[in-house]
N, C-alpha and C. Protein backbone atom coordinates (compact mmCIF):
# COMPACT_ATOMS: atom_id res chain seq x y z
N UNK A 1 -9.36 4.80 -21.88
CA UNK A 1 -9.83 5.71 -20.86
C UNK A 1 -8.88 5.67 -19.67
N UNK A 2 -8.75 6.78 -19.00
CA UNK A 2 -7.87 6.88 -17.83
C UNK A 2 -8.42 6.04 -16.68
N UNK A 3 -7.54 5.71 -15.74
CA UNK A 3 -7.97 5.04 -14.52
C UNK A 3 -8.38 6.14 -13.54
N UNK A 4 -9.64 6.50 -13.59
CA UNK A 4 -10.16 7.62 -12.82
C UNK A 4 -9.99 7.39 -11.32
N UNK A 5 -10.26 6.17 -10.86
CA UNK A 5 -10.10 5.87 -9.43
C UNK A 5 -8.67 6.10 -8.97
N UNK A 6 -7.70 5.57 -9.70
CA UNK A 6 -6.29 5.71 -9.31
C UNK A 6 -5.86 7.17 -9.31
N UNK A 7 -6.27 7.93 -10.32
CA UNK A 7 -5.92 9.35 -10.38
C UNK A 7 -6.54 10.12 -9.22
N UNK A 8 -7.79 9.83 -8.89
CA UNK A 8 -8.45 10.50 -7.77
C UNK A 8 -7.81 10.16 -6.44
N UNK A 9 -7.50 8.89 -6.23
CA UNK A 9 -6.86 8.47 -4.98
C UNK A 9 -5.53 9.19 -4.80
N UNK A 10 -4.72 9.24 -5.85
CA UNK A 10 -3.42 9.93 -5.77
C UNK A 10 -3.58 11.41 -5.47
N UNK A 11 -4.52 12.06 -6.13
CA UNK A 11 -4.71 13.50 -5.94
C UNK A 11 -5.30 13.82 -4.58
N UNK A 12 -6.26 13.03 -4.11
CA UNK A 12 -6.90 13.30 -2.82
C UNK A 12 -5.94 13.10 -1.65
N UNK A 13 -4.91 12.31 -1.83
CA UNK A 13 -3.93 12.10 -0.74
C UNK A 13 -3.18 13.38 -0.40
N UNK A 14 -3.19 14.36 -1.28
CA UNK A 14 -2.46 15.60 -1.04
C UNK A 14 -3.27 16.59 -0.19
N UNK A 15 -4.55 16.35 0.02
CA UNK A 15 -5.37 17.27 0.81
C UNK A 15 -5.00 17.17 2.29
N UNK A 16 -4.91 18.31 2.96
CA UNK A 16 -4.43 18.35 4.34
C UNK A 16 -5.34 17.62 5.33
N UNK A 17 -6.65 17.73 5.17
CA UNK A 17 -7.57 17.15 6.14
C UNK A 17 -7.82 15.67 5.98
N UNK A 18 -7.20 15.04 5.00
CA UNK A 18 -7.46 13.63 4.71
C UNK A 18 -6.31 12.77 5.22
N UNK A 19 -6.64 11.77 6.06
CA UNK A 19 -5.61 10.87 6.59
C UNK A 19 -5.30 9.74 5.62
N UNK A 20 -6.33 9.24 4.94
CA UNK A 20 -6.13 8.12 4.01
C UNK A 20 -7.20 8.15 2.92
N UNK A 21 -6.85 7.58 1.77
CA UNK A 21 -7.75 7.52 0.62
C UNK A 21 -7.61 6.14 0.02
N UNK A 22 -8.71 5.58 -0.46
CA UNK A 22 -8.63 4.30 -1.13
C UNK A 22 -9.88 3.94 -1.89
N UNK A 23 -9.79 2.85 -2.59
CA UNK A 23 -10.93 2.35 -3.35
C UNK A 23 -11.79 1.46 -2.47
N UNK A 24 -11.17 0.67 -1.62
CA UNK A 24 -11.90 -0.23 -0.74
C UNK A 24 -12.00 0.35 0.66
N UNK A 25 -13.14 0.13 1.29
CA UNK A 25 -13.33 0.59 2.67
C UNK A 25 -12.95 -0.57 3.58
N UNK A 26 -11.76 -0.48 4.16
CA UNK A 26 -11.26 -1.54 5.03
C UNK A 26 -10.77 -0.91 6.33
N UNK A 27 -11.40 -1.25 7.43
CA UNK A 27 -11.01 -0.76 8.76
C UNK A 27 -10.74 0.74 8.76
N UNK A 28 -11.75 1.50 8.38
CA UNK A 28 -11.57 2.95 8.33
C UNK A 28 -11.33 3.54 9.71
N UNK A 29 -11.71 2.84 10.78
CA UNK A 29 -11.50 3.36 12.13
C UNK A 29 -10.05 3.73 12.37
N UNK A 30 -9.13 3.01 11.74
CA UNK A 30 -7.70 3.22 11.96
C UNK A 30 -7.13 4.40 11.19
N UNK A 31 -7.87 4.92 10.22
CA UNK A 31 -7.33 5.96 9.33
C UNK A 31 -8.35 7.06 9.08
N UNK A 32 -8.83 7.71 10.10
CA UNK A 32 -9.84 8.75 9.91
C UNK A 32 -9.22 10.13 9.94
N UNK A 33 -9.70 11.08 9.18
CA UNK A 33 -10.74 10.96 8.17
C UNK A 33 -10.26 10.20 6.93
N UNK A 34 -11.18 9.40 6.39
CA UNK A 34 -10.89 8.51 5.27
C UNK A 34 -11.81 8.88 4.11
N UNK A 35 -11.28 8.86 2.89
CA UNK A 35 -12.08 9.13 1.70
C UNK A 35 -12.08 7.87 0.83
N UNK A 36 -13.27 7.41 0.50
CA UNK A 36 -13.44 6.23 -0.36
C UNK A 36 -13.89 6.68 -1.75
N UNK A 37 -13.29 6.10 -2.78
CA UNK A 37 -13.58 6.46 -4.17
C UNK A 37 -14.03 5.21 -4.91
N UNK A 38 -15.17 5.29 -5.59
CA UNK A 38 -15.68 4.14 -6.34
C UNK A 38 -16.30 4.60 -7.65
N UNK A 39 -15.74 4.14 -8.77
CA UNK A 39 -16.25 4.53 -10.08
C UNK A 39 -17.54 3.78 -10.38
N UNK A 40 -18.52 4.51 -10.88
CA UNK A 40 -19.79 3.93 -11.31
C UNK A 40 -19.75 3.74 -12.82
N UNK A 41 -20.71 3.03 -13.40
CA UNK A 41 -20.71 2.86 -14.86
C UNK A 41 -20.67 4.22 -15.58
N UNK A 42 -19.89 4.28 -16.65
CA UNK A 42 -19.73 5.55 -17.37
C UNK A 42 -20.38 5.46 -18.74
N UNK A 43 -20.38 6.60 -19.43
CA UNK A 43 -20.96 6.64 -20.77
C UNK A 43 -20.09 7.49 -21.67
N UNK A 44 -20.17 7.22 -22.95
CA UNK A 44 -19.41 8.00 -23.93
C UNK A 44 -20.05 9.38 -24.06
N UNK A 45 -19.24 10.42 -24.03
CA UNK A 45 -19.75 11.79 -24.16
C UNK A 45 -19.59 12.32 -25.57
N UNK A 46 -18.48 12.01 -26.20
CA UNK A 46 -18.20 12.51 -27.55
C UNK A 46 -17.51 11.43 -28.36
N UNK A 47 -17.79 11.42 -29.65
CA UNK A 47 -17.06 10.53 -30.55
C UNK A 47 -16.68 11.32 -31.79
N UNK A 48 -15.72 10.80 -32.53
CA UNK A 48 -15.26 11.50 -33.73
C UNK A 48 -16.29 11.38 -34.84
N UNK A 49 -16.18 12.26 -35.84
CA UNK A 49 -17.04 12.17 -37.01
C UNK A 49 -16.19 12.50 -38.24
N UNK A 50 -16.62 12.06 -39.38
CA UNK A 50 -15.88 12.34 -40.61
C UNK A 50 -14.68 11.44 -40.80
N UNK A 51 -14.62 10.35 -40.11
CA UNK A 51 -13.49 9.43 -40.20
C UNK A 51 -13.80 8.18 -39.40
N UNK A 52 -12.78 7.43 -39.05
CA UNK A 52 -13.03 6.23 -38.25
C UNK A 52 -13.66 6.60 -36.91
N UNK A 53 -14.69 5.88 -36.53
CA UNK A 53 -15.37 6.17 -35.26
C UNK A 53 -14.48 5.76 -34.08
N UNK A 54 -14.31 6.69 -33.18
CA UNK A 54 -13.62 6.39 -31.93
C UNK A 54 -14.10 7.37 -30.88
N UNK A 55 -13.99 6.96 -29.64
CA UNK A 55 -14.45 7.79 -28.53
C UNK A 55 -13.44 8.89 -28.25
N UNK A 56 -13.93 10.11 -28.01
CA UNK A 56 -13.07 11.25 -27.71
C UNK A 56 -13.04 11.52 -26.20
N UNK A 57 -14.21 11.43 -25.56
CA UNK A 57 -14.27 11.63 -24.11
C UNK A 57 -15.43 10.84 -23.52
N UNK A 58 -15.33 10.61 -22.22
CA UNK A 58 -16.36 9.89 -21.49
C UNK A 58 -16.83 10.74 -20.32
N UNK A 59 -18.07 10.50 -19.91
CA UNK A 59 -18.60 11.06 -18.68
C UNK A 59 -18.53 9.95 -17.65
N UNK A 60 -17.84 10.23 -16.55
CA UNK A 60 -17.61 9.20 -15.52
C UNK A 60 -18.19 9.69 -14.20
N UNK A 61 -19.08 8.90 -13.62
CA UNK A 61 -19.63 9.20 -12.30
C UNK A 61 -18.82 8.45 -11.26
N UNK A 62 -18.47 9.16 -10.18
CA UNK A 62 -17.66 8.56 -9.11
C UNK A 62 -18.37 8.80 -7.78
N UNK A 63 -18.57 7.73 -7.03
CA UNK A 63 -19.16 7.82 -5.70
C UNK A 63 -18.03 8.10 -4.72
N UNK A 64 -18.10 9.23 -4.05
CA UNK A 64 -17.06 9.62 -3.08
C UNK A 64 -17.69 9.67 -1.70
N UNK A 65 -17.14 8.91 -0.77
CA UNK A 65 -17.60 8.90 0.62
C UNK A 65 -16.49 9.40 1.52
N UNK A 66 -16.87 10.20 2.52
CA UNK A 66 -15.93 10.70 3.52
C UNK A 66 -16.36 10.13 4.87
N UNK A 67 -15.42 9.56 5.59
CA UNK A 67 -15.67 8.97 6.91
C UNK A 67 -14.83 9.72 7.94
N UNK A 68 -15.43 10.01 9.11
CA UNK A 68 -14.69 10.66 10.19
C UNK A 68 -15.32 10.26 11.53
N UNK A 69 -14.69 10.69 12.62
CA UNK A 69 -15.14 10.27 13.95
C UNK A 69 -16.36 11.01 14.45
N UNK A 70 -16.56 12.26 14.02
CA UNK A 70 -17.71 13.02 14.50
C UNK A 70 -18.29 13.88 13.38
N UNK A 71 -19.44 14.47 13.64
CA UNK A 71 -20.13 15.25 12.61
C UNK A 71 -19.32 16.43 12.13
N UNK A 72 -18.64 17.11 13.04
CA UNK A 72 -17.83 18.26 12.64
C UNK A 72 -16.69 17.88 11.72
N UNK A 73 -16.00 16.81 12.07
CA UNK A 73 -14.85 16.37 11.26
C UNK A 73 -15.29 15.88 9.89
N UNK A 74 -16.40 15.12 9.82
CA UNK A 74 -16.84 14.62 8.53
C UNK A 74 -17.34 15.77 7.66
N UNK A 75 -18.01 16.75 8.27
CA UNK A 75 -18.49 17.90 7.50
C UNK A 75 -17.32 18.72 6.97
N UNK A 76 -16.32 18.99 7.82
CA UNK A 76 -15.16 19.78 7.40
C UNK A 76 -14.36 19.08 6.30
N UNK A 77 -14.15 17.79 6.43
CA UNK A 77 -13.38 17.05 5.42
C UNK A 77 -14.15 16.99 4.11
N UNK A 78 -15.46 16.74 4.17
CA UNK A 78 -16.28 16.71 2.95
C UNK A 78 -16.27 18.09 2.29
N UNK A 79 -16.33 19.15 3.08
CA UNK A 79 -16.30 20.51 2.52
C UNK A 79 -14.95 20.78 1.86
N UNK A 80 -13.86 20.29 2.44
CA UNK A 80 -12.53 20.47 1.84
C UNK A 80 -12.43 19.73 0.51
N UNK A 81 -12.93 18.49 0.48
CA UNK A 81 -12.91 17.72 -0.77
C UNK A 81 -13.76 18.42 -1.83
N UNK A 82 -14.94 18.88 -1.45
CA UNK A 82 -15.82 19.56 -2.41
C UNK A 82 -15.20 20.86 -2.91
N UNK A 83 -14.59 21.64 -2.02
CA UNK A 83 -13.94 22.88 -2.44
C UNK A 83 -12.83 22.59 -3.45
N UNK A 84 -12.04 21.56 -3.19
CA UNK A 84 -10.97 21.17 -4.11
C UNK A 84 -11.55 20.81 -5.47
N UNK A 85 -12.65 20.05 -5.47
CA UNK A 85 -13.30 19.67 -6.73
C UNK A 85 -13.87 20.89 -7.46
N UNK A 86 -14.46 21.82 -6.72
CA UNK A 86 -15.06 23.02 -7.33
C UNK A 86 -14.02 23.98 -7.89
N UNK A 87 -12.78 23.87 -7.43
CA UNK A 87 -11.71 24.71 -7.98
C UNK A 87 -10.96 23.96 -9.08
N UNK A 88 -11.71 23.13 -9.81
CA UNK A 88 -11.20 22.35 -10.95
C UNK A 88 -10.19 21.29 -10.56
N UNK A 89 -10.18 20.89 -9.31
CA UNK A 89 -9.38 19.75 -8.85
C UNK A 89 -7.95 19.79 -9.36
N UNK A 90 -7.14 20.74 -8.86
CA UNK A 90 -5.75 20.83 -9.32
C UNK A 90 -5.03 19.49 -9.18
N UNK A 91 -4.31 19.11 -10.21
CA UNK A 91 -3.56 17.87 -10.20
C UNK A 91 -4.26 16.72 -10.90
N UNK A 92 -5.54 16.90 -11.23
CA UNK A 92 -6.25 15.83 -11.94
C UNK A 92 -6.16 16.04 -13.45
N UNK A 93 -6.02 14.96 -14.21
CA UNK A 93 -5.95 15.07 -15.67
C UNK A 93 -7.33 15.10 -16.33
N UNK A 94 -8.39 15.23 -15.54
CA UNK A 94 -9.75 15.32 -16.07
C UNK A 94 -10.52 16.32 -15.22
N UNK A 95 -11.66 16.81 -15.73
CA UNK A 95 -12.38 17.90 -15.08
C UNK A 95 -13.67 17.43 -14.42
N UNK A 96 -13.95 17.91 -13.20
CA UNK A 96 -15.26 17.68 -12.62
C UNK A 96 -16.28 18.59 -13.31
N UNK A 97 -17.45 18.06 -13.63
CA UNK A 97 -18.48 18.87 -14.28
C UNK A 97 -19.73 19.02 -13.43
N UNK A 98 -19.89 18.18 -12.40
CA UNK A 98 -21.02 18.30 -11.49
C UNK A 98 -20.57 17.85 -10.10
N UNK A 99 -20.57 18.80 -9.15
CA UNK A 99 -20.09 18.51 -7.80
C UNK A 99 -21.18 18.88 -6.80
N UNK A 100 -22.06 17.94 -6.45
CA UNK A 100 -23.13 18.26 -5.51
C UNK A 100 -22.61 18.38 -4.08
N UNK A 101 -23.46 18.89 -3.21
CA UNK A 101 -23.14 18.96 -1.79
C UNK A 101 -23.08 17.53 -1.25
N UNK A 102 -22.10 17.27 -0.39
CA UNK A 102 -21.97 15.95 0.22
C UNK A 102 -23.07 15.80 1.27
N UNK A 103 -23.88 14.76 1.13
CA UNK A 103 -25.01 14.53 2.02
C UNK A 103 -24.67 13.47 3.07
N UNK A 104 -25.40 13.52 4.17
CA UNK A 104 -25.21 12.53 5.22
C UNK A 104 -25.66 11.17 4.70
N UNK A 105 -24.85 10.16 4.97
CA UNK A 105 -25.17 8.79 4.58
C UNK A 105 -25.06 7.90 5.81
N UNK A 106 -25.88 6.86 5.88
CA UNK A 106 -25.80 5.96 7.03
C UNK A 106 -24.55 5.09 6.98
N UNK A 107 -24.09 4.68 8.15
CA UNK A 107 -22.97 3.76 8.23
C UNK A 107 -23.27 2.75 9.33
N UNK A 108 -22.84 1.51 9.12
CA UNK A 108 -23.11 0.46 10.10
C UNK A 108 -22.30 0.63 11.38
N UNK A 109 -21.17 1.29 11.30
CA UNK A 109 -20.31 1.51 12.46
C UNK A 109 -20.81 2.74 13.21
N UNK A 110 -21.24 2.57 14.45
CA UNK A 110 -21.80 3.69 15.21
C UNK A 110 -20.75 4.73 15.60
N UNK A 111 -19.48 4.37 15.53
CA UNK A 111 -18.41 5.30 15.90
C UNK A 111 -17.92 6.13 14.73
N UNK A 112 -18.50 5.93 13.55
CA UNK A 112 -18.04 6.61 12.34
C UNK A 112 -19.19 7.40 11.73
N UNK A 113 -18.90 8.61 11.31
CA UNK A 113 -19.87 9.43 10.58
C UNK A 113 -19.47 9.45 9.12
N UNK A 114 -20.48 9.55 8.24
CA UNK A 114 -20.22 9.43 6.80
C UNK A 114 -21.03 10.46 6.02
N UNK A 115 -20.37 11.09 5.03
CA UNK A 115 -21.05 11.97 4.07
C UNK A 115 -20.55 11.58 2.69
N UNK A 116 -21.41 11.72 1.69
CA UNK A 116 -21.00 11.32 0.36
C UNK A 116 -21.74 12.03 -0.75
N UNK A 117 -21.21 11.87 -1.96
CA UNK A 117 -21.81 12.47 -3.15
C UNK A 117 -21.35 11.70 -4.38
N UNK A 118 -22.16 11.75 -5.42
CA UNK A 118 -21.76 11.21 -6.72
C UNK A 118 -21.32 12.39 -7.56
N UNK A 119 -20.04 12.40 -7.91
CA UNK A 119 -19.44 13.51 -8.66
C UNK A 119 -19.24 13.06 -10.11
N UNK A 120 -19.58 13.94 -11.04
CA UNK A 120 -19.44 13.62 -12.46
C UNK A 120 -18.20 14.31 -13.03
N UNK A 121 -17.42 13.53 -13.78
CA UNK A 121 -16.20 14.03 -14.43
C UNK A 121 -16.29 13.81 -15.93
N UNK A 122 -15.58 14.65 -16.68
CA UNK A 122 -15.40 14.44 -18.11
C UNK A 122 -13.94 14.08 -18.32
N UNK A 123 -13.71 12.88 -18.85
CA UNK A 123 -12.35 12.39 -19.08
C UNK A 123 -12.10 12.28 -20.58
N UNK A 124 -11.14 13.05 -21.06
CA UNK A 124 -10.78 13.00 -22.48
C UNK A 124 -9.80 11.87 -22.72
N UNK A 125 -9.93 11.23 -23.87
CA UNK A 125 -9.00 10.17 -24.25
C UNK A 125 -7.74 10.80 -24.84
N UNK A 126 -6.61 10.20 -24.56
CA UNK A 126 -5.36 10.74 -25.10
C UNK A 126 -4.82 9.86 -26.20
């Protein structure tokens, strides 16, 4: 299976409204707006038949969080990320199949606003 986190981090770095992207949330205050990507447990979507059993594709859920300094910036950045995902995420080797609206999420840092969503992708094995 592909490294979905690494592919997403690389592709999201090309978006204009994003200052930094990563898997770990470390001192986001210094790099806002920041997008955090975290893969959740996945499941097999398709397997071969009529021969040796092997997986053809997986369904992968990814938790994506957007952090920014104020409500307007976090909303705009989350909307840009969602729009990119809804246009089949150019540059990604796998397809998003479910892209919900990014919802407000709490954050312990009072100076940071956060919105997030769990996005589902279908990743084919090569």
